[in-house]
Amino acid sequence: MIAHVRGRLATKSADRVVVETPGGVGYEVVVPLGVMERLPATGAEITLATELVVREDGWALYGFLDDAERRFFQRLTSVSGVGPKIGIAVLSALGVERGARALREKNIGLLSSVSGIGRKTAERLALELGDKVEEFRDAPSVEVPAGAEAALKALERLGYGVPEADRAIRQALAGNGTETETETLVRRALQILTTR
């Protein structure tokens, strides 16, 4: 298992970054929105706690800024039928503290508001993990910009699918991380979507 990756932040794009190690190896790492928000500018040195997911169709490395985020991701993906995409979506939309609270309180409405999670999956997550997330009660709360969630919903109303809208918003944030107003994010995401 690759427990962590340390090196220079070479690139940031949409939902992934490339970390170049001192040995010259570049690791492509998928990160949640909350992690992308907190990353320094490209060129800076970073360390990401990582989780390697091996599947029949390929290997993927998922990265987090602290071990609590990685453990929460592992807990989410331990549920049958919940893969890394849903794990990343929960962390992106809710973060560790808010996500764990939603599971403990069995807040199906909040869980099913996460992109890619239907009511049945939300119920399964709450049922299986409700009493297994106590350790995350005091996890630092990382706020995903409210503008990002609102922008995603706006793009969905405009007829864009959740995956493409989510990717466009991540790209908009990666390109201009300080500006998180809904209107600005929607405008930038639409530019990204219409130039593809």
N, C-alpha and C. Protein backbone atom coordinates (compact mmCIF):
# COMPACT_ATOMS: atom_id res chain seq x y z
N MET A 1 0.84 -1.19 0.00
CA MET A 1 0.00 0.00 0.00
C MET A 1 0.88 1.25 0.00
N ILE A 2 0.45 2.28 -0.69
CA ILE A 2 1.14 3.57 -0.68
C ILE A 2 0.47 4.41 0.39
N ALA A 3 1.15 4.60 1.54
CA ALA A 3 0.54 5.27 2.69
C ALA A 3 0.54 6.79 2.55
N HIS A 4 1.55 7.33 1.91
CA HIS A 4 1.58 8.77 1.69
C HIS A 4 2.50 9.10 0.52
N VAL A 5 2.29 10.29 -0.03
CA VAL A 5 3.12 10.78 -1.13
C VAL A 5 3.62 12.16 -0.73
N ARG A 6 4.93 12.36 -0.83
CA ARG A 6 5.52 13.66 -0.47
C ARG A 6 6.32 14.18 -1.66
N GLY A 7 6.13 15.44 -1.97
CA GLY A 7 6.90 16.03 -3.07
C GLY A 7 6.35 17.38 -3.48
N ARG A 8 6.69 17.78 -4.69
CA ARG A 8 6.28 19.07 -5.22
C ARG A 8 4.92 18.94 -5.90
N LEU A 9 4.03 19.88 -5.61
CA LEU A 9 2.72 19.91 -6.27
C LEU A 9 2.93 20.40 -7.70
N ALA A 10 2.93 19.45 -8.64
CA ALA A 10 3.26 19.80 -10.03
C ALA A 10 2.08 20.41 -10.77
N THR A 11 0.90 19.79 -10.64
CA THR A 11 -0.29 20.32 -11.33
C THR A 11 -1.54 20.12 -10.49
N LYS A 12 -2.53 20.98 -10.70
CA LYS A 12 -3.86 20.85 -10.10
C LYS A 12 -4.87 20.96 -11.23
N SER A 13 -5.79 20.00 -11.31
CA SER A 13 -6.83 20.09 -12.34
C SER A 13 -8.06 19.32 -11.89
N ALA A 14 -9.20 19.93 -12.04
CA ALA A 14 -10.50 19.33 -11.72
C ALA A 14 -10.47 18.61 -10.37
N ASP A 15 -10.40 17.28 -10.38
CA ASP A 15 -10.47 16.52 -9.14
C ASP A 15 -9.16 15.81 -8.81
N ARG A 16 -8.08 16.19 -9.47
CA ARG A 16 -6.81 15.48 -9.21
C ARG A 16 -5.60 16.39 -9.26
N VAL A 17 -4.56 15.92 -8.62
CA VAL A 17 -3.30 16.65 -8.62
C VAL A 17 -2.19 15.68 -9.02
N VAL A 18 -1.06 16.23 -9.42
CA VAL A 18 0.13 15.41 -9.65
C VAL A 18 1.19 15.88 -8.66
N VAL A 19 1.69 14.92 -7.88
CA VAL A 19 2.75 15.20 -6.91
C VAL A 19 4.03 14.56 -7.43
N GLU A 20 5.05 15.39 -7.65
CA GLU A 20 6.34 14.90 -8.17
C GLU A 20 7.29 14.71 -7.01
N THR A 21 7.75 13.47 -6.84
CA THR A 21 8.65 13.16 -5.73
C THR A 21 10.08 13.61 -6.07
N PRO A 22 10.95 13.72 -5.04
CA PRO A 22 12.34 14.11 -5.31
C PRO A 22 13.04 13.18 -6.31
N GLY A 23 12.56 11.92 -6.39
CA GLY A 23 13.15 10.97 -7.34
C GLY A 23 12.67 11.17 -8.77
N GLY A 24 11.74 12.11 -8.97
CA GLY A 24 11.27 12.40 -10.32
C GLY A 24 10.02 11.64 -10.75
N VAL A 25 9.43 10.88 -9.83
CA VAL A 25 8.20 10.14 -10.16
C VAL A 25 7.00 11.04 -9.87
N GLY A 26 6.07 11.13 -10.83
CA GLY A 26 4.87 11.93 -10.64
C GLY A 26 3.68 11.04 -10.33
N TYR A 27 3.07 11.24 -9.18
CA TYR A 27 1.89 10.46 -8.79
C TYR A 27 0.64 11.27 -9.05
N GLU A 28 -0.30 10.71 -9.82
CA GLU A 28 -1.59 11.36 -10.03
C GLU A 28 -2.51 10.91 -8.89
N VAL A 29 -3.05 11.89 -8.17
CA VAL A 29 -3.84 11.60 -6.97
C VAL A 29 -5.19 12.30 -7.06
N VAL A 30 -6.27 11.53 -6.89
CA VAL A 30 -7.62 12.10 -6.86
C VAL A 30 -7.87 12.63 -5.45
N VAL A 31 -8.36 13.87 -5.35
CA VAL A 31 -8.59 14.47 -4.03
C VAL A 31 -10.01 15.02 -3.92
N PRO A 32 -10.57 15.03 -2.70
CA PRO A 32 -11.89 15.64 -2.51
C PRO A 32 -11.79 17.16 -2.66
N LEU A 33 -12.94 17.77 -2.85
CA LEU A 33 -13.02 19.21 -3.04
C LEU A 33 -12.42 19.98 -1.86
N GLY A 34 -12.69 19.53 -0.63
CA GLY A 34 -12.16 20.20 0.55
C GLY A 34 -10.65 20.18 0.60
N VAL A 35 -10.04 19.11 0.10
CA VAL A 35 -8.58 19.03 0.04
C VAL A 35 -8.06 19.98 -1.04
N MET A 36 -8.70 19.96 -2.21
CA MET A 36 -8.29 20.84 -3.30
C MET A 36 -8.28 22.30 -2.85
N GLU A 37 -9.31 22.67 -2.06
CA GLU A 37 -9.44 24.04 -1.56
C GLU A 37 -8.26 24.45 -0.69
N ARG A 38 -7.73 23.49 0.08
CA ARG A 38 -6.69 23.81 1.07
C ARG A 38 -5.27 23.61 0.55
N LEU A 39 -5.13 23.16 -0.68
CA LEU A 39 -3.78 22.94 -1.22
C LEU A 39 -3.08 24.26 -1.51
N PRO A 40 -1.76 24.28 -1.35
CA PRO A 40 -1.02 25.49 -1.70
C PRO A 40 -0.94 25.63 -3.22
N ALA A 41 -0.29 26.69 -3.67
CA ALA A 41 -0.11 26.92 -5.11
C ALA A 41 0.81 25.85 -5.70
N THR A 42 0.70 25.62 -7.00
CA THR A 42 1.58 24.66 -7.66
C THR A 42 3.03 25.09 -7.44
N GLY A 43 3.89 24.08 -7.30
CA GLY A 43 5.30 24.34 -7.04
C GLY A 43 5.66 24.16 -5.57
N ALA A 44 4.65 24.20 -4.68
CA ALA A 44 4.89 24.06 -3.24
C ALA A 44 5.11 22.59 -2.88
N GLU A 45 5.78 22.36 -1.75
CA GLU A 45 5.99 21.01 -1.24
C GLU A 45 4.76 20.58 -0.45
N ILE A 46 4.28 19.37 -0.68
CA ILE A 46 3.12 18.87 0.07
C ILE A 46 3.31 17.40 0.43
N THR A 47 2.54 16.96 1.42
CA THR A 47 2.46 15.55 1.78
C THR A 47 0.99 15.19 1.83
N LEU A 48 0.60 14.14 1.11
CA LEU A 48 -0.78 13.66 1.13
C LEU A 48 -0.83 12.25 1.71
N ALA A 49 -1.73 12.03 2.67
CA ALA A 49 -2.03 10.67 3.11
C ALA A 49 -2.81 10.04 1.96
N THR A 50 -2.48 8.81 1.58
CA THR A 50 -3.10 8.24 0.39
C THR A 50 -3.71 6.86 0.64
N GLU A 51 -4.64 6.53 -0.24
CA GLU A 51 -5.29 5.22 -0.24
C GLU A 51 -5.25 4.71 -1.68
N LEU A 52 -4.61 3.57 -1.88
CA LEU A 52 -4.52 2.96 -3.20
C LEU A 52 -5.70 2.02 -3.39
N VAL A 53 -6.48 2.23 -4.44
CA VAL A 53 -7.62 1.37 -4.74
C VAL A 53 -7.31 0.61 -6.03
N VAL A 54 -7.27 -0.71 -5.92
CA VAL A 54 -6.94 -1.56 -7.06
C VAL A 54 -8.22 -2.25 -7.53
N ARG A 55 -8.53 -2.05 -8.81
CA ARG A 55 -9.71 -2.69 -9.39
C ARG A 55 -9.30 -3.37 -10.68
N GLU A 56 -10.23 -4.13 -11.25
CA GLU A 56 -9.94 -4.85 -12.50
C GLU A 56 -9.58 -3.89 -13.63
N ASP A 57 -10.22 -2.71 -13.65
CA ASP A 57 -10.00 -1.79 -14.76
C ASP A 57 -8.89 -0.77 -14.50
N GLY A 58 -8.18 -0.90 -13.39
CA GLY A 58 -7.05 0.00 -13.15
C GLY A 58 -6.81 0.31 -11.68
N TRP A 59 -5.73 1.03 -11.43
CA TRP A 59 -5.37 1.45 -10.08
C TRP A 59 -5.61 2.94 -9.96
N ALA A 60 -6.03 3.38 -8.79
CA ALA A 60 -6.21 4.81 -8.56
C ALA A 60 -5.73 5.15 -7.15
N LEU A 61 -5.12 6.32 -7.04
CA LEU A 61 -4.59 6.79 -5.77
C LEU A 61 -5.46 7.96 -5.30
N TYR A 62 -5.96 7.88 -4.07
CA TYR A 62 -6.81 8.93 -3.50
C TYR A 62 -6.03 9.61 -2.39
N GLY A 63 -6.07 10.95 -2.35
CA GLY A 63 -5.23 11.68 -1.41
C GLY A 63 -6.00 12.58 -0.46
N PHE A 64 -5.43 12.74 0.75
CA PHE A 64 -6.07 13.50 1.82
C PHE A 64 -4.99 14.26 2.59
N LEU A 65 -5.39 15.37 3.20
CA LEU A 65 -4.41 16.17 3.92
C LEU A 65 -4.16 15.66 5.34
N ASP A 66 -5.03 14.82 5.86
CA ASP A 66 -4.76 14.24 7.18
C ASP A 66 -5.30 12.82 7.25
N ASP A 67 -4.87 12.13 8.30
CA ASP A 67 -5.22 10.71 8.41
C ASP A 67 -6.70 10.51 8.71
N ALA A 68 -7.34 11.47 9.39
CA ALA A 68 -8.78 11.33 9.69
C ALA A 68 -9.59 11.28 8.40
N GLU A 69 -9.23 12.12 7.42
CA GLU A 69 -9.93 12.10 6.13
C GLU A 69 -9.75 10.75 5.45
N ARG A 70 -8.53 10.21 5.49
CA ARG A 70 -8.30 8.91 4.85
C ARG A 70 -9.10 7.81 5.56
N ARG A 71 -9.10 7.80 6.89
CA ARG A 71 -9.83 6.77 7.63
C ARG A 71 -11.33 6.86 7.37
N PHE A 72 -11.85 8.09 7.26
CA PHE A 72 -13.28 8.26 6.98
C PHE A 72 -13.60 7.73 5.58
N PHE A 73 -12.73 8.01 4.62
CA PHE A 73 -12.88 7.49 3.25
C PHE A 73 -12.88 5.96 3.28
N GLN A 74 -11.96 5.36 4.03
CA GLN A 74 -11.89 3.90 4.15
C GLN A 74 -13.17 3.34 4.76
N ARG A 75 -13.69 4.02 5.77
CA ARG A 75 -14.92 3.58 6.42
C ARG A 75 -16.08 3.62 5.43
N LEU A 76 -16.19 4.70 4.67
CA LEU A 76 -17.28 4.84 3.69
C LEU A 76 -17.21 3.73 2.64
N THR A 77 -16.01 3.49 2.12
CA THR A 77 -15.87 2.51 1.03
C THR A 77 -15.89 1.07 1.52
N SER A 78 -15.97 0.87 2.84
CA SER A 78 -16.10 -0.49 3.36
C SER A 78 -17.54 -1.01 3.23
N VAL A 79 -18.46 -0.10 2.96
CA VAL A 79 -19.87 -0.48 2.81
C VAL A 79 -20.08 -1.08 1.42
N SER A 80 -20.77 -2.21 1.37
CA SER A 80 -21.03 -2.88 0.10
C SER A 80 -21.75 -1.96 -0.88
N GLY A 81 -21.23 -1.87 -2.10
CA GLY A 81 -21.86 -1.05 -3.13
C GLY A 81 -21.43 0.41 -3.11
N VAL A 82 -20.56 0.77 -2.16
CA VAL A 82 -20.06 2.14 -2.08
C VAL A 82 -18.59 2.14 -2.50
N GLY A 83 -18.33 2.74 -3.65
CA GLY A 83 -16.98 2.77 -4.18
C GLY A 83 -16.28 4.08 -3.87
N PRO A 84 -15.05 4.22 -4.37
CA PRO A 84 -14.29 5.43 -4.10
C PRO A 84 -14.93 6.71 -4.63
N LYS A 85 -15.68 6.63 -5.72
CA LYS A 85 -16.33 7.84 -6.25
C LYS A 85 -17.33 8.40 -5.25
N ILE A 86 -18.11 7.51 -4.63
CA ILE A 86 -19.07 7.97 -3.63
C ILE A 86 -18.34 8.45 -2.38
N GLY A 87 -17.27 7.76 -1.99
CA GLY A 87 -16.48 8.19 -0.84
C GLY A 87 -15.95 9.60 -1.03
N ILE A 88 -15.41 9.88 -2.22
CA ILE A 88 -14.88 11.21 -2.52
C ILE A 88 -16.02 12.23 -2.57
N ALA A 89 -17.18 11.83 -3.13
CA ALA A 89 -18.32 12.75 -3.21
C ALA A 89 -18.79 13.17 -1.83
N VAL A 90 -18.86 12.21 -0.88
CA VAL A 90 -19.28 12.53 0.48
C VAL A 90 -18.29 13.49 1.13
N LEU A 91 -17.00 13.20 1.00
CA LEU A 91 -15.98 14.08 1.57
C LEU A 91 -16.01 15.45 0.91
N SER A 92 -16.25 15.48 -0.40
CA SER A 92 -16.29 16.76 -1.12
C SER A 92 -17.47 17.62 -0.66
N ALA A 93 -18.62 16.98 -0.50
CA ALA A 93 -19.83 17.74 -0.17
C ALA A 93 -19.96 18.06 1.31
N LEU A 94 -19.54 17.11 2.18
CA LEU A 94 -19.82 17.26 3.61
C LEU A 94 -18.59 17.39 4.49
N GLY A 95 -17.46 16.84 4.05
CA GLY A 95 -16.29 16.81 4.93
C GLY A 95 -16.45 15.72 5.98
N VAL A 96 -15.42 15.54 6.80
CA VAL A 96 -15.43 14.44 7.78
C VAL A 96 -16.43 14.68 8.90
N GLU A 97 -16.33 15.82 9.56
CA GLU A 97 -17.16 16.07 10.75
C GLU A 97 -18.64 16.09 10.40
N ARG A 98 -19.00 16.81 9.36
CA ARG A 98 -20.42 16.92 8.97
C ARG A 98 -20.93 15.59 8.42
N GLY A 99 -20.09 14.88 7.65
CA GLY A 99 -20.48 13.58 7.11
C GLY A 99 -20.71 12.56 8.20
N ALA A 100 -19.79 12.53 9.20
CA ALA A 100 -19.93 11.59 10.31
C ALA A 100 -21.18 11.91 11.13
N ARG A 101 -21.46 13.20 11.32
CA ARG A 101 -22.66 13.60 12.08
C ARG A 101 -23.93 13.16 11.34
N ALA A 102 -23.92 13.32 10.00
CA ALA A 102 -25.08 12.89 9.21
C ALA A 102 -25.30 11.38 9.33
N LEU A 103 -24.22 10.63 9.37
CA LEU A 103 -24.33 9.17 9.52
C LEU A 103 -24.84 8.81 10.91
N ARG A 104 -24.28 9.44 11.95
CA ARG A 104 -24.71 9.16 13.33
C ARG A 104 -26.18 9.48 13.53
N GLU A 105 -26.60 10.63 12.99
CA GLU A 105 -27.98 11.08 13.18
C GLU A 105 -28.94 10.48 12.15
N LYS A 106 -28.37 9.65 11.26
CA LYS A 106 -29.16 9.02 10.19
C LYS A 106 -29.95 10.07 9.39
N ASN A 107 -29.24 11.12 9.03
CA ASN A 107 -29.83 12.23 8.27
C ASN A 107 -29.85 11.85 6.78
N ILE A 108 -30.86 11.09 6.40
CA ILE A 108 -30.96 10.55 5.04
C ILE A 108 -31.08 11.68 4.02
N GLY A 109 -31.80 12.73 4.37
CA GLY A 109 -31.97 13.87 3.45
C GLY A 109 -30.64 14.49 3.08
N LEU A 110 -29.79 14.74 4.08
CA LEU A 110 -28.47 15.35 3.82
C LEU A 110 -27.59 14.39 3.04
N LEU A 111 -27.57 13.12 3.44
CA LEU A 111 -26.72 12.14 2.74
C LEU A 111 -27.14 11.98 1.29
N SER A 112 -28.46 11.94 1.04
CA SER A 112 -28.92 11.73 -0.34
C SER A 112 -28.82 13.01 -1.18
N SER A 113 -28.46 14.13 -0.54
CA SER A 113 -28.23 15.36 -1.32
C SER A 113 -26.85 15.37 -1.97
N VAL A 114 -26.00 14.43 -1.56
CA VAL A 114 -24.65 14.32 -2.13
C VAL A 114 -24.76 13.76 -3.55
N SER A 115 -24.04 14.36 -4.48
CA SER A 115 -24.06 13.92 -5.87
C SER A 115 -23.72 12.43 -5.97
N GLY A 116 -24.59 11.67 -6.65
CA GLY A 116 -24.33 10.24 -6.87
C GLY A 116 -24.92 9.33 -5.82
N ILE A 117 -25.52 9.89 -4.76
CA ILE A 117 -26.09 9.05 -3.70
C ILE A 117 -27.62 9.15 -3.73
N GLY A 118 -28.24 8.00 -3.93
CA GLY A 118 -29.71 7.95 -3.88
C GLY A 118 -30.17 7.62 -2.48
N ARG A 119 -31.46 7.59 -2.31
CA ARG A 119 -32.02 7.34 -0.97
C ARG A 119 -31.61 5.98 -0.42
N LYS A 120 -31.62 4.94 -1.25
CA LYS A 120 -31.28 3.59 -0.77
C LYS A 120 -29.83 3.51 -0.30
N THR A 121 -28.93 4.13 -1.07
CA THR A 121 -27.51 4.13 -0.68
C THR A 121 -27.33 4.93 0.60
N ALA A 122 -28.02 6.06 0.72
CA ALA A 122 -27.94 6.88 1.94
C ALA A 122 -28.41 6.08 3.15
N GLU A 123 -29.51 5.33 2.98
CA GLU A 123 -30.04 4.52 4.08
C GLU A 123 -29.06 3.42 4.47
N ARG A 124 -28.43 2.79 3.45
CA ARG A 124 -27.45 1.73 3.72
C ARG A 124 -26.25 2.28 4.48
N LEU A 125 -25.75 3.45 4.04
CA LEU A 125 -24.61 4.08 4.72
C LEU A 125 -24.95 4.38 6.18
N ALA A 126 -26.12 4.98 6.41
CA ALA A 126 -26.52 5.34 7.77
C ALA A 126 -26.70 4.10 8.64
N LEU A 127 -27.30 3.06 8.08
CA LEU A 127 -27.54 1.83 8.83
C LEU A 127 -26.23 1.15 9.20
N GLU A 128 -25.31 1.03 8.23
CA GLU A 128 -24.08 0.29 8.48
C GLU A 128 -23.02 1.09 9.24
N LEU A 129 -23.02 2.42 9.08
CA LEU A 129 -21.95 3.21 9.67
C LEU A 129 -22.38 4.11 10.82
N GLY A 130 -23.69 4.20 11.08
CA GLY A 130 -24.19 5.12 12.10
C GLY A 130 -23.47 5.01 13.44
N ASP A 131 -23.16 3.77 13.86
CA ASP A 131 -22.50 3.59 15.17
C ASP A 131 -21.01 3.31 15.02
N LYS A 132 -20.46 3.52 13.83
CA LYS A 132 -19.03 3.24 13.61
C LYS A 132 -18.22 4.49 13.27
N VAL A 133 -18.79 5.65 13.52
CA VAL A 133 -18.08 6.90 13.15
C VAL A 133 -17.86 7.81 14.36
N GLU A 134 -17.97 7.22 15.55
CA GLU A 134 -17.81 8.01 16.78
C GLU A 134 -16.43 8.68 16.85
N GLU A 135 -15.40 8.01 16.34
CA GLU A 135 -14.04 8.57 16.39
C GLU A 135 -13.89 9.87 15.61
N PHE A 136 -14.83 10.15 14.73
CA PHE A 136 -14.73 11.37 13.90
C PHE A 136 -15.52 12.54 14.49
N ARG A 137 -16.05 12.37 15.69
CA ARG A 137 -16.87 13.42 16.31
C ARG A 137 -16.11 14.73 16.45
N ASP A 138 -14.82 14.65 16.80
CA ASP A 138 -14.02 15.85 17.01
C ASP A 138 -13.11 16.18 15.83
N ALA A 139 -13.39 15.59 14.68
CA ALA A 139 -12.58 15.89 13.49
C ALA A 139 -12.73 17.36 13.13
N PRO A 140 -11.63 17.99 12.68
CA PRO A 140 -11.76 19.39 12.29
C PRO A 140 -12.77 19.55 11.17
N SER A 141 -13.60 20.55 11.31
CA SER A 141 -14.62 20.80 10.29
C SER A 141 -14.02 21.59 9.14
N VAL A 142 -14.08 21.02 7.94
CA VAL A 142 -13.57 21.71 6.75
C VAL A 142 -14.76 22.11 5.91
N GLU A 143 -14.95 23.39 5.80
CA GLU A 143 -16.10 23.88 5.05
C GLU A 143 -15.84 23.84 3.55
N VAL A 144 -16.70 23.13 2.85
CA VAL A 144 -16.69 23.22 1.39
C VAL A 144 -17.45 24.50 1.08
N PRO A 145 -16.91 25.36 0.22
CA PRO A 145 -17.58 26.62 -0.03
C PRO A 145 -19.04 26.42 -0.41
N ALA A 146 -19.92 27.16 0.25
CA ALA A 146 -21.35 27.06 -0.05
C ALA A 146 -21.60 27.36 -1.52
N GLY A 147 -20.79 28.24 -2.07
CA GLY A 147 -20.92 28.59 -3.49
C GLY A 147 -20.74 27.40 -4.40
N ALA A 148 -19.87 26.46 -4.01
CA ALA A 148 -19.62 25.28 -4.85
C ALA A 148 -20.84 24.37 -4.89
N GLU A 149 -21.46 24.15 -3.73
CA GLU A 149 -22.66 23.31 -3.69
C GLU A 149 -23.80 23.96 -4.48
N ALA A 150 -23.98 25.26 -4.29
CA ALA A 150 -25.05 25.98 -4.99
C ALA A 150 -24.79 26.00 -6.49
N ALA A 151 -23.52 26.13 -6.87
CA ALA A 151 -23.16 26.15 -8.30
C ALA A 151 -23.46 24.80 -8.94
N LEU A 152 -23.18 23.72 -8.21
CA LEU A 152 -23.47 22.38 -8.72
C LEU A 152 -24.96 22.21 -8.98
N LYS A 153 -25.77 22.65 -8.02
CA LYS A 153 -27.23 22.54 -8.19
C LYS A 153 -27.71 23.41 -9.35
N ALA A 154 -27.12 24.59 -9.53
CA ALA A 154 -27.50 25.48 -10.64
C ALA A 154 -27.20 24.82 -11.98
N LEU A 155 -26.03 24.18 -12.10
CA LEU A 155 -25.67 23.52 -13.35
C LEU A 155 -26.59 22.32 -13.62
N GLU A 156 -26.97 21.61 -12.55
CA GLU A 156 -27.91 20.49 -12.71
C GLU A 156 -29.24 21.00 -13.25
N ARG A 157 -29.71 22.15 -12.72
CA ARG A 157 -30.98 22.72 -13.20
C ARG A 157 -30.88 23.16 -14.65
N LEU A 158 -29.66 23.51 -15.09
CA LEU A 158 -29.46 23.89 -16.49
C LEU A 158 -29.37 22.67 -17.42
N GLY A 159 -29.45 21.48 -16.83
CA GLY A 159 -29.48 20.27 -17.64
C GLY A 159 -28.17 19.50 -17.73
N TYR A 160 -27.14 19.95 -17.02
CA TYR A 160 -25.87 19.22 -17.05
C TYR A 160 -25.93 18.05 -16.08
N GLY A 161 -25.29 16.95 -16.46
CA GLY A 161 -25.22 15.78 -15.59
C GLY A 161 -24.32 16.08 -14.39
N VAL A 162 -24.57 15.36 -13.28
CA VAL A 162 -23.81 15.60 -12.06
C VAL A 162 -22.30 15.41 -12.27
N PRO A 163 -21.84 14.32 -12.91
CA PRO A 163 -20.38 14.15 -13.03
C PRO A 163 -19.71 15.29 -13.81
N GLU A 164 -20.30 15.69 -14.94
CA GLU A 164 -19.65 16.75 -15.73
C GLU A 164 -19.73 18.10 -15.03
N ALA A 165 -20.85 18.38 -14.35
CA ALA A 165 -20.98 19.63 -13.61
C ALA A 165 -19.98 19.68 -12.46
N ASP A 166 -19.85 18.57 -11.75
CA ASP A 166 -18.91 18.48 -10.63
C ASP A 166 -17.48 18.72 -11.11
N ARG A 167 -17.12 18.07 -12.24
CA ARG A 167 -15.76 18.24 -12.81
C ARG A 167 -15.51 19.69 -13.18
N ALA A 168 -16.50 20.33 -13.80
CA ALA A 168 -16.34 21.73 -14.24
C ALA A 168 -16.16 22.66 -13.04
N ILE A 169 -16.91 22.41 -11.97
CA ILE A 169 -16.78 23.25 -10.78
C ILE A 169 -15.42 23.06 -10.13
N ARG A 170 -14.97 21.81 -10.07
CA ARG A 170 -13.63 21.55 -9.51
C ARG A 170 -12.56 22.27 -10.33
N GLN A 171 -12.71 22.23 -11.65
CA GLN A 171 -11.75 22.91 -12.52
C GLN A 171 -11.78 24.42 -12.28
N ALA A 172 -12.97 24.96 -12.13
CA ALA A 172 -13.13 26.39 -11.88
C ALA A 172 -12.46 26.77 -10.56
N LEU A 173 -12.62 25.93 -9.54
CA LEU A 173 -11.99 26.19 -8.25
C LEU A 173 -10.48 26.03 -8.32
N ALA A 174 -10.02 25.01 -9.05
CA ALA A 174 -8.57 24.79 -9.17
C ALA A 174 -7.91 25.95 -9.89
N GLY A 175 -8.59 26.51 -10.87
CA GLY A 175 -8.02 27.61 -11.64
C GLY A 175 -8.09 28.94 -10.93
N ASN A 176 -9.01 29.04 -9.96
CA ASN A 176 -9.21 30.34 -9.29
C ASN A 176 -9.71 30.09 -7.88
N GLY A 177 -8.89 29.37 -7.08
CA GLY A 177 -9.30 28.88 -5.77
C GLY A 177 -9.82 29.91 -4.78
N THR A 178 -9.48 31.19 -4.94
CA THR A 178 -9.89 32.18 -3.96
C THR A 178 -11.32 32.67 -4.20
N GLU A 179 -11.80 32.55 -5.40
CA GLU A 179 -13.14 33.06 -5.75
C GLU A 179 -14.16 31.94 -5.66
N THR A 180 -15.03 31.99 -4.65
CA THR A 180 -15.98 30.90 -4.44
C THR A 180 -17.43 31.36 -4.46
N GLU A 181 -17.69 32.55 -4.99
CA GLU A 181 -19.06 33.02 -5.12
C GLU A 181 -19.80 32.16 -6.15
N THR A 182 -21.05 31.83 -5.86
CA THR A 182 -21.83 30.95 -6.74
C THR A 182 -21.86 31.46 -8.18
N GLU A 183 -22.19 32.71 -8.35
CA GLU A 183 -22.34 33.28 -9.70
C GLU A 183 -21.05 33.16 -10.50
N THR A 184 -19.92 33.49 -9.85
CA THR A 184 -18.62 33.41 -10.52
C THR A 184 -18.28 31.97 -10.88
N LEU A 185 -18.54 31.04 -9.95
CA LEU A 185 -18.25 29.63 -10.20
C LEU A 185 -19.10 29.09 -11.35
N VAL A 186 -20.38 29.45 -11.38
CA VAL A 186 -21.27 28.99 -12.46
C VAL A 186 -20.77 29.53 -13.80
N ARG A 187 -20.41 30.81 -13.83
CA ARG A 187 -19.92 31.41 -15.07
C ARG A 187 -18.64 30.72 -15.57
N ARG A 188 -17.69 30.51 -14.65
CA ARG A 188 -16.44 29.85 -15.03
C ARG A 188 -16.68 28.39 -15.46
N ALA A 189 -17.56 27.68 -14.71
CA ALA A 189 -17.86 26.29 -15.05
C ALA A 189 -18.54 26.20 -16.42
N LEU A 190 -19.44 27.14 -16.72
CA LEU A 190 -20.10 27.14 -18.04
C LEU A 190 -19.08 27.38 -19.15
N GLN A 191 -18.12 28.26 -18.91
CA GLN A 191 -17.06 28.48 -19.91
C GLN A 191 -16.29 27.19 -20.16
N ILE A 192 -15.98 26.47 -19.07
CA ILE A 192 -15.25 25.19 -19.19
C ILE A 192 -16.10 24.17 -19.96
N LEU A 193 -17.39 24.09 -19.61
CA LEU A 193 -18.28 23.10 -20.24
C LEU A 193 -18.51 23.40 -21.73
N THR A 194 -18.57 24.68 -22.10
CA THR A 194 -18.89 25.01 -23.49
C THR A 194 -17.65 25.05 -24.39
N THR A 195 -16.46 24.98 -23.81
CA THR A 195 -15.24 24.98 -24.66
C THR A 195 -14.69 23.58 -24.84
N ARG A 196 -15.40 22.57 -24.36
CA ARG A 196 -14.90 21.20 -24.51
C ARG A 196 -15.22 20.69 -25.89
